[in-house]
PDB file of N, CA and C in Angstrom:
ATOM      1  N   MET A   1       0.798  -1.334  -0.395  1.00  0.00           N
ATOM      2  CA  MET A   1       0.161  -0.343  -0.095  1.00  0.00           C
ATOM      3  C   MET A   1       0.514   1.247   0.390  1.00  0.00           C
ATOM      4  N   ALA A   2       0.535   2.974  -0.739  1.00  0.00           N
ATOM      5  CA  ALA A   2       1.357   3.700  -0.962  1.00  0.00           C
ATOM      6  C   ALA A   2       1.844   4.226   0.783  1.00  0.00           C
ATOM      7  N   LYS A   3       0.475   3.901   1.508  1.00  0.00           N
ATOM      8  CA  LYS A   3       1.195   4.361   2.921  1.00  0.00           C
ATOM      9  C   LYS A   3       0.421   3.161   4.101  1.00  0.00           C
ATOM     10  N   SER A   4       1.677   3.621   4.611  1.00  0.00           N
ATOM     11  CA  SER A   4       1.324   2.476   6.460  1.00  0.00           C
ATOM     12  C   SER A   4       0.283   3.054   7.185  1.00  0.00           C
ATOM     13  N   LEU A   5      -0.404   2.191   7.985  1.00  0.00           N
ATOM     14  CA  LEU A   5      -1.630   2.890   8.881  1.00  0.00           C
ATOM     15  C   LEU A   5      -0.788   3.556   9.621  1.00  0.00           C
ATOM     16  N   HIS A   6      -1.645   4.719  10.400  1.00  0.00           N
ATOM     17  CA  HIS A   6      -1.026   5.846  11.683  1.00  0.00           C
ATOM     18  C   HIS A   6      -1.725   4.568  12.983  1.00  0.00           C
ATOM     19  N   SER A   7      -0.570   4.599  13.378  1.00  0.00           N
ATOM     20  CA  SER A   7      -1.097   4.833  15.382  1.00  0.00           C
ATOM     21  C   SER A   7      -2.269   4.961  15.290  1.00  0.00           C
ATOM     22  N   GLY A   8      -2.974   3.745  16.159  1.00  0.00           N
ATOM     23  CA  GLY A   8      -4.279   3.719  17.322  1.00  0.00           C
ATOM     24  C   GLY A   8      -4.920   2.628  16.050  1.00  0.00           C
ATOM     25  N   HIS A   9      -4.922   2.379  15.267  1.00  0.00           N
ATOM     26  CA  HIS A   9      -5.461   1.386  14.538  1.00  0.00           C
ATOM     27  C   HIS A   9      -5.517  -0.475  14.729  1.00  0.00           C
ATOM     28  N   SER A  10      -6.980  -1.029  15.141  1.00  0.00           N
ATOM     29  CA  SER A  10      -5.909  -1.671  15.901  1.00  0.00           C
ATOM     30  C   SER A  10      -5.872  -2.892  14.260  1.00  0.00           C
ATOM     31  N   GLY A  11      -5.267  -3.929  15.143  1.00  0.00           N
ATOM     32  CA  GLY A  11      -3.909  -5.025  14.362  1.00  0.00           C
ATOM     33  C   GLY A  11      -5.590  -5.436  13.191  1.00  0.00           C
ATOM     34  N   SER A  12      -6.430  -5.801  13.878  1.00  0.00           N
ATOM     35  CA  SER A  12      -7.972  -6.539  12.617  1.00  0.00           C
ATOM     36  C   SER A  12      -8.083  -5.371  11.500  1.00  0.00           C
ATOM     37  N   SER A  13      -8.595  -4.887  11.829  1.00  0.00           N
ATOM     38  CA  SER A  13      -8.120  -3.418  10.776  1.00  0.00           C
ATOM     39  C   SER A  13      -6.749  -3.141   9.952  1.00  0.00           C
ATOM     40  N   ALA A  14      -5.806  -3.414  10.907  1.00  0.00           N
ATOM     41  CA  ALA A  14      -4.468  -3.879   9.666  1.00  0.00           C
ATOM     42  C   ALA A  14      -4.697  -4.913   8.479  1.00  0.00           C
ATOM     43  N   ALA A  15      -5.549  -6.220   9.519  1.00  0.00           N
ATOM     44  CA  ALA A  15      -5.431  -7.156   8.342  1.00  0.00           C
ATOM     45  C   ALA A  15      -5.967  -7.491   7.239  1.00  0.00           C
ATOM     46  N   GLY A  16      -7.790  -6.497   8.003  1.00  0.00           N
ATOM     47  CA  GLY A  16      -8.440  -6.667   6.696  1.00  0.00           C
ATOM     48  C   GLY A  16      -8.199  -5.566   5.670  1.00  0.00           C
ATOM     49  N   LEU A  17      -7.012  -5.469   5.696  1.00  0.00           N
ATOM     50  CA  LEU A  17      -6.581  -3.521   4.686  1.00  0.00           C
ATOM     51  C   LEU A  17      -6.216  -4.346   4.074  1.00  0.00           C
ATOM     52  N   ALA A  18      -5.256  -5.250   4.258  1.00  0.00           N
ATOM     53  CA  ALA A  18      -4.309  -6.244   3.757  1.00  0.00           C
ATOM     54  C   ALA A  18      -5.426  -7.285   2.811  1.00  0.00           C
ATOM     55  N   ILE A  19      -6.436  -7.990   3.300  1.00  0.00           N
ATOM     56  CA  ILE A  19      -7.065  -8.776   3.219  1.00  0.00           C
ATOM     57  C   ILE A  19      -7.619  -7.944   1.223  1.00  0.00           C
ATOM     58  N   VAL A  20      -8.455  -7.430   1.855  1.00  0.00           N
ATOM     59  CA  VAL A  20      -8.471  -6.022   0.871  1.00  0.00           C
ATOM     60  C   VAL A  20      -7.591  -5.925  -0.597  1.00  0.00           C
ATOM     61  N   HIS A  21      -6.065  -5.274   0.203  1.00  0.00           N
ATOM     62  CA  HIS A  21      -5.134  -5.404  -0.727  1.00  0.00           C
ATOM     63  C   HIS A  21      -4.991  -6.226  -2.076  1.00  0.00           C
ATOM     64  N   ARG A  22      -4.635  -7.465  -0.860  1.00  0.00           N
ATOM     65  CA  ARG A  22      -4.473  -8.369  -1.721  1.00  0.00           C
ATOM     66  C   ARG A  22      -5.562  -9.067  -3.083  1.00  0.00           C
ATOM     67  N   LEU A  23      -6.812  -9.184  -2.540  1.00  0.00           N
ATOM     68  CA  LEU A  23      -8.468  -9.636  -3.002  1.00  0.00           C
ATOM     69  C   LEU A  23      -7.858  -8.031  -4.299  1.00  0.00           C
ATOM     70  N   VAL A  24      -7.933  -7.245  -4.777  1.00  0.00           N
ATOM     71  CA  VAL A  24      -7.973  -5.953  -5.490  1.00  0.00           C
ATOM     72  C   VAL A  24      -7.121  -6.120  -6.059  1.00  0.00           C
ATOM     73  N   THR A  25      -5.003  -6.948  -5.701  1.00  0.00           N
ATOM     74  CA  THR A  25      -4.602  -6.192  -6.836  1.00  0.00           C
ATOM     75  C   THR A  25      -4.403  -7.765  -7.496  1.00  0.00           C
ATOM     76  N   SER A  26      -5.009  -8.537  -6.524  1.00  0.00           N
ATOM     77  CA  SER A  26      -5.003 -10.227  -7.868  1.00  0.00           C
ATOM     78  C   SER A  26      -6.349 -10.266  -9.056  1.00  0.00           C
ATOM     79  N   ASP A  27      -7.051  -8.868  -9.408  1.00  0.00           N
ATOM     80  CA  ASP A  27      -7.329  -8.525  -9.626  1.00  0.00           C
ATOM     81  C   ASP A  27      -7.304  -7.501 -10.824  1.00  0.00           C
ATOM     82  N   GLY A  28      -6.244  -7.055 -10.706  1.00  0.00           N
ATOM     83  CA  GLY A  28      -5.304  -5.793 -11.515  1.00  0.00           C
ATOM     84  C   GLY A  28      -5.872  -4.536 -10.665  1.00  0.00           C
ATOM     85  N   GLY A  29      -6.373  -4.192  -9.746  1.00  0.00           N
ATOM     86  CA  GLY A  29      -6.907  -3.382  -9.273  1.00  0.00           C
ATOM     87  C   GLY A  29      -5.472  -2.684  -8.694  1.00  0.00           C
ATOM     88  N   THR A  30      -5.318  -1.160  -7.636  1.00  0.00           N
ATOM     89  CA  THR A  30      -5.595  -0.608  -6.892  1.00  0.00           C
ATOM     90  C   THR A  30      -5.615  -0.257  -5.529  1.00  0.00           C
ATOM     91  N   ALA A  31      -4.884  -0.207  -4.416  1.00  0.00           N
ATOM     92  CA  ALA A  31      -5.576  -0.204  -3.539  1.00  0.00           C
ATOM     93  C   ALA A  31      -4.523   0.974  -2.334  1.00  0.00           C
ATOM     94  N   ARG A  32      -4.909   2.495  -2.271  1.00  0.00           N
ATOM     95  CA  ARG A  32      -3.723   3.098  -1.413  1.00  0.00           C
ATOM     96  C   ARG A  32      -5.365   3.916  -0.423  1.00  0.00           C
ATOM     97  N   LEU A  33      -4.177   4.320   0.707  1.00  0.00           N
ATOM     98  CA  LEU A  33      -4.878   5.409   1.524  1.00  0.00           C
ATOM     99  C   LEU A  33      -3.863   6.590   1.842  1.00  0.00           C
ATOM    100  N   GLN A  34      -5.323   7.421   1.505  1.00  0.00           N
ATOM    101  CA  GLN A  34      -4.833   8.308   1.928  1.00  0.00           C
ATOM    102  C   GLN A  34      -5.347   9.295   2.917  1.00  0.00           C
ATOM    103  N   ASP A  35      -4.578  10.148   3.328  1.00  0.00           N
ATOM    104  CA  ASP A  35      -4.826  11.106   4.677  1.00  0.00           C
ATOM    105  C   ASP A  35      -6.399  12.152   3.907  1.00  0.00           C
ATOM    106  N   THR A  36      -7.166  11.987   5.121  1.00  0.00           N
ATOM    107  CA  THR A  36      -7.578  12.776   5.489  1.00  0.00           C
ATOM    108  C   THR A  36      -7.662  14.033   5.918  1.00  0.00           C
ATOM    109  N   PRO A  37      -8.309  15.356   5.510  1.00  0.00           N
ATOM    110  CA  PRO A  37      -8.005  16.163   5.890  1.00  0.00           C
ATOM    111  C   PRO A  37      -8.894  16.928   7.280  1.00  0.00           C
ATOM    112  N   GLY A  38      -8.539  17.006   8.233  1.00  0.00           N
ATOM    113  CA  GLY A  38      -8.755  17.527  10.065  1.00  0.00           C
ATOM    114  C   GLY A  38      -8.672  15.125  10.396  1.00  0.00           C
ATOM    115  N   GLY A  39      -8.278  14.264   9.336  1.00  0.00           N
ATOM    116  CA  GLY A  39      -7.668  13.141  10.406  1.00  0.00           C
ATOM    117  C   GLY A  39      -8.471  11.941  10.124  1.00  0.00           C
ATOM    118  N   GLY A  40      -8.389  10.797  10.114  1.00  0.00           N
ATOM    119  CA  GLY A  40      -8.391   9.702   9.116  1.00  0.00           C
ATOM    120  C   GLY A  40      -7.669   9.779   8.286  1.00  0.00           C
ATOM    121  N   LEU A  41      -8.308   8.027   7.714  1.00  0.00           N
ATOM    122  CA  LEU A  41      -7.308   7.756   6.118  1.00  0.00           C
ATOM    123  C   LEU A  41      -9.588   7.562   5.615  1.00  0.00           C
ATOM    124  N   THR A  42      -8.293   7.708   4.259  1.00  0.00           N
ATOM    125  CA  THR A  42      -9.812   7.275   2.658  1.00  0.00           C
ATOM    126  C   THR A  42      -8.964   6.637   2.035  1.00  0.00           C
ATOM    127  N   VAL A  43      -9.509   5.058   2.226  1.00  0.00           N
ATOM    128  CA  VAL A  43      -9.102   4.487   1.767  1.00  0.00           C
ATOM    129  C   VAL A  43      -9.741   4.049   0.129  1.00  0.00           C
ATOM    130  N   VAL A  44      -8.849   4.023  -1.248  1.00  0.00           N
ATOM    131  CA  VAL A  44      -9.053   4.347  -2.434  1.00  0.00           C
ATOM    132  C   VAL A  44      -8.569   2.924  -3.644  1.00  0.00           C
ATOM    133  N   LEU A  45      -9.827   2.457  -3.813  1.00  0.00           N
ATOM    134  CA  LEU A  45      -9.700   1.300  -3.942  1.00  0.00           C
ATOM    135  C   LEU A  45      -9.887   1.626  -6.317  1.00  0.00           C
ATOM    136  N   GLU A  46      -9.383   0.974  -6.920  1.00  0.00           N
ATOM    137  CA  GLU A  46      -9.108   0.966  -8.435  1.00  0.00           C
ATOM    138  C   GLU A  46      -9.552  -0.215  -8.926  1.00  0.00           C
ATOM    139  N   LEU A  47     -10.868  -0.062  -9.678  1.00  0.00           N
ATOM    140  CA  LEU A  47     -10.512  -1.872 -10.371  1.00  0.00           C
ATOM    141  C   LEU A  47     -10.339  -1.752 -11.298  1.00  0.00           C
ATOM    142  N   PRO A  48     -10.489  -2.930 -12.666  1.00  0.00           N
ATOM    143  CA  PRO A  48     -10.420  -2.159 -14.223  1.00  0.00           C
ATOM    144  C   PRO A  48     -11.799  -2.987 -14.288  1.00  0.00           C
ATOM    145  N   THR A  49     -12.148  -2.232 -15.727  1.00  0.00           N
ATOM    146  CA  THR A  49     -13.884  -2.473 -16.185  1.00  0.00           C
ATOM    147  C   THR A  49     -13.088  -3.279 -16.879  1.00  0.00           C
ATOM    148  N   PRO A  50     -14.246  -4.505 -17.383  1.00  0.00           N
ATOM    149  CA  PRO A  50     -13.880  -5.654 -18.223  1.00  0.00           C
ATOM    150  C   PRO A  50     -14.225  -5.375 -19.363  1.00  0.00           C
ATOM    151  N   VAL A  51     -13.539  -5.510 -20.753  1.00  0.00           N
ATOM    152  CA  VAL A  51     -13.953  -4.819 -21.425  1.00  0.00           C
ATOM    153  C   VAL A  51     -15.176  -6.068 -21.982  1.00  0.00           C
ATOM    154  N   ARG A  52     -16.708  -5.414 -23.226  1.00  0.00           N
ATOM    155  CA  ARG A  52     -17.199  -6.620 -23.300  1.00  0.00           C
ATOM    156  C   ARG A  52     -17.423  -6.529 -24.739  1.00  0.00           C
ATOM    157  N   PRO A  53     -17.585  -8.025 -25.647  1.00  0.00           N
ATOM    158  CA  PRO A  53     -17.358  -6.955 -26.538  1.00  0.00           C
ATOM    159  C   PRO A  53     -19.111  -6.636 -27.820  1.00  0.00           C
ATOM    160  N   GLY A  54     -18.429  -5.771 -28.327  1.00  0.00           N
ATOM    161  CA  GLY A  54     -19.060  -4.695 -29.043  1.00  0.00           C
ATOM    162  C   GLY A  54     -20.168  -5.942 -30.057  1.00  0.00           C
ATOM    163  N   PRO A  55     -21.154  -5.396 -31.178  1.00  0.00           N
ATOM    164  CA  PRO A  55     -21.761  -6.312 -31.774  1.00  0.00           C
ATOM    165  C   PRO A  55     -21.267  -7.003 -32.715  1.00  0.00           C
ATOM    166  N   ALA A  56     -21.523  -7.908 -33.604  1.00  0.00           N
ATOM    167  CA  ALA A  56     -20.225  -8.214 -34.649  1.00  0.00           C
ATOM    168  C   ALA A  56     -20.869  -8.004 -35.525  1.00  0.00           C
TER     169      ALA A  56
END
C-alpha cells in the first residue's frame, strides 16, 4: 500500500486492509490509503473495467 497505517488502528483493521489489498491487486486493481483533512484515512480502490465485445 502507498501509505502505512497510522498508530491507533487495531490489528484487525490492518489485517482487513491487507486482505482487501490482496484481493484488489489480484484482479489487476490498486488499493491505497490517503490522509483525510482533519484526521482519519480514506481507502481508495481502483478496479479494472472488463471490456465486453461489441456487436459483430
